[in-house]
Amino acid sequence: MLTKEKQEHLSKLIDSGCISTEELTKCLDMGVEMLFYIEEDTFDRKEIQNVVFAIRRVILALRKKK
């Protein structure tokens, strides 16, 4: 779970106008899809799972913000 401080930091990044919540969510979704096409032996399976888990948590947090 993101701490309140981290949520605020993420919110400030989005509010700065660099990228919208929707654009960031789409980009993170695309990142998850891209992970499915990594060549074997590039990363440890657990490392990839940890990255996917972290991305999914951010996506869920962004979707709840709406």
C-alpha atoms as a PDB file:
ATOM      1  CA  MET A   1       0.000   0.000   0.000  1.00  0.00           C
ATOM      2  CA  LEU A   2       1.249   3.466  -0.846  1.00  0.00           C
ATOM      3  CA  THR A   3       1.850   5.699   2.151  1.00  0.00           C
ATOM      4  CA  LYS A   4       0.039   9.022   2.283  1.00  0.00           C
ATOM      5  CA  GLU A   5       3.328  10.799   1.517  1.00  0.00           C
ATOM      6  CA  LYS A   6       3.954   8.648  -1.549  1.00  0.00           C
ATOM      7  CA  GLN A   7       0.376   9.132  -2.722  1.00  0.00           C
ATOM      8  CA  GLU A   8       0.818  12.878  -2.428  1.00  0.00           C
ATOM      9  CA  HIS A   9       4.091  12.730  -4.367  1.00  0.00           C
ATOM     10  CA  LEU A  10       2.460  10.704  -7.134  1.00  0.00           C
ATOM     11  CA  SER A  11      -0.464  13.121  -7.167  1.00  0.00           C
ATOM     12  CA  LYS A  12       1.905  16.104  -7.509  1.00  0.00           C
ATOM     13  CA  LEU A  13       3.627  14.459 -10.469  1.00  0.00           C
ATOM     14  CA  ILE A  14       0.295  13.981 -12.177  1.00  0.00           C
ATOM     15  CA  ASP A  15      -1.002  17.436 -11.219  1.00  0.00           C
ATOM     16  CA  SER A  16       2.136  19.065 -12.630  1.00  0.00           C
ATOM     17  CA  GLY A  17       0.601  18.550 -16.056  1.00  0.00           C
ATOM     18  CA  CYS A  18       3.415  16.384 -17.389  1.00  0.00           C
ATOM     19  CA  ILE A  19       1.056  13.457 -17.854  1.00  0.00           C
ATOM     20  CA  SER A  20      -2.575  12.812 -17.079  1.00  0.00           C
ATOM     21  CA  THR A  21      -3.753  10.033 -14.808  1.00  0.00           C
ATOM     22  CA  GLU A  22      -5.289   8.295 -17.801  1.00  0.00           C
ATOM     23  CA  GLU A  23      -2.078   8.534 -19.847  1.00  0.00           C
ATOM     24  CA  LEU A  24       0.027   7.228 -16.955  1.00  0.00           C
ATOM     25  CA  THR A  25      -2.396   4.368 -16.378  1.00  0.00           C
ATOM     26  CA  LYS A  26      -2.278   3.404 -20.074  1.00  0.00           C
ATOM     27  CA  CYS A  27       1.523   3.592 -20.059  1.00  0.00           C
ATOM     28  CA  LEU A  28       1.767   1.362 -16.976  1.00  0.00           C
ATOM     29  CA  ASP A  29      -0.706  -1.100 -18.498  1.00  0.00           C
ATOM     30  CA  MET A  30       1.456  -1.214 -21.626  1.00  0.00           C
ATOM     31  CA  GLY A  31       4.516  -1.839 -19.449  1.00  0.00           C
ATOM     32  CA  VAL A  32       2.823  -4.837 -17.889  1.00  0.00           C
ATOM     33  CA  GLU A  33       1.997  -6.188 -21.347  1.00  0.00           C
ATOM     34  CA  MET A  34       5.589  -5.643 -22.520  1.00  0.00           C
ATOM     35  CA  LEU A  35       6.889  -7.714 -19.603  1.00  0.00           C
ATOM     36  CA  PHE A  36       5.188 -10.749 -21.127  1.00  0.00           C
ATOM     37  CA  TYR A  37       7.562 -10.550 -24.109  1.00  0.00           C
ATOM     38  CA  ILE A  38      10.887 -10.402 -22.257  1.00  0.00           C
ATOM     39  CA  GLU A  39      13.349 -12.973 -23.520  1.00  0.00           C
ATOM     40  CA  GLU A  40      14.134 -15.906 -21.278  1.00  0.00           C
ATOM     41  CA  ASP A  41      16.993 -15.545 -18.810  1.00  0.00           C
ATOM     42  CA  THR A  42      16.907 -11.726 -19.011  1.00  0.00           C
ATOM     43  CA  PHE A  43      15.584 -11.343 -15.464  1.00  0.00           C
ATOM     44  CA  ASP A  44      14.792 -13.676 -12.613  1.00  0.00           C
ATOM     45  CA  ARG A  45      11.109 -14.693 -12.577  1.00  0.00           C
ATOM     46  CA  LYS A  46      10.652 -13.293  -9.065  1.00  0.00           C
ATOM     47  CA  GLU A  47      12.128  -9.921 -10.113  1.00  0.00           C
ATOM     48  CA  ILE A  48       9.617  -9.662 -12.944  1.00  0.00           C
ATOM     49  CA  GLN A  49       6.755 -10.636 -10.664  1.00  0.00           C
ATOM     50  CA  ASN A  50       7.788  -7.939  -8.183  1.00  0.00           C
ATOM     51  CA  VAL A  51       7.816  -5.309 -10.940  1.00  0.00           C
ATOM     52  CA  VAL A  52       4.392  -6.389 -12.206  1.00  0.00           C
ATOM     53  CA  PHE A  53       3.012  -6.324  -8.666  1.00  0.00           C
ATOM     54  CA  ALA A  54       4.332  -2.792  -8.088  1.00  0.00           C
ATOM     55  CA  ILE A  55       2.961  -1.531 -11.404  1.00  0.00           C
ATOM     56  CA  ARG A  56      -0.436  -3.063 -10.727  1.00  0.00           C
ATOM     57  CA  ARG A  57      -0.582  -1.370  -7.304  1.00  0.00           C
ATOM     58  CA  VAL A  58       0.113   2.023  -8.890  1.00  0.00           C
ATOM     59  CA  ILE A  59      -2.500   1.389 -11.586  1.00  0.00           C
ATOM     60  CA  LEU A  60      -5.097   0.476  -8.981  1.00  0.00           C
ATOM     61  CA  ALA A  61      -4.249   3.557  -6.907  1.00  0.00           C
ATOM     62  CA  LEU A  62      -4.625   5.776  -9.973  1.00  0.00           C
ATOM     63  CA  ARG A  63      -7.948   4.266 -10.913  1.00  0.00           C
ATOM     64  CA  LYS A  64      -9.313   4.782  -7.378  1.00  0.00           C
ATOM     65  CA  LYS A  65      -8.400   8.474  -7.571  1.00  0.00           C
ATOM     66  CA  LYS A  66     -11.028   9.152 -10.249  1.00  0.00           C
END
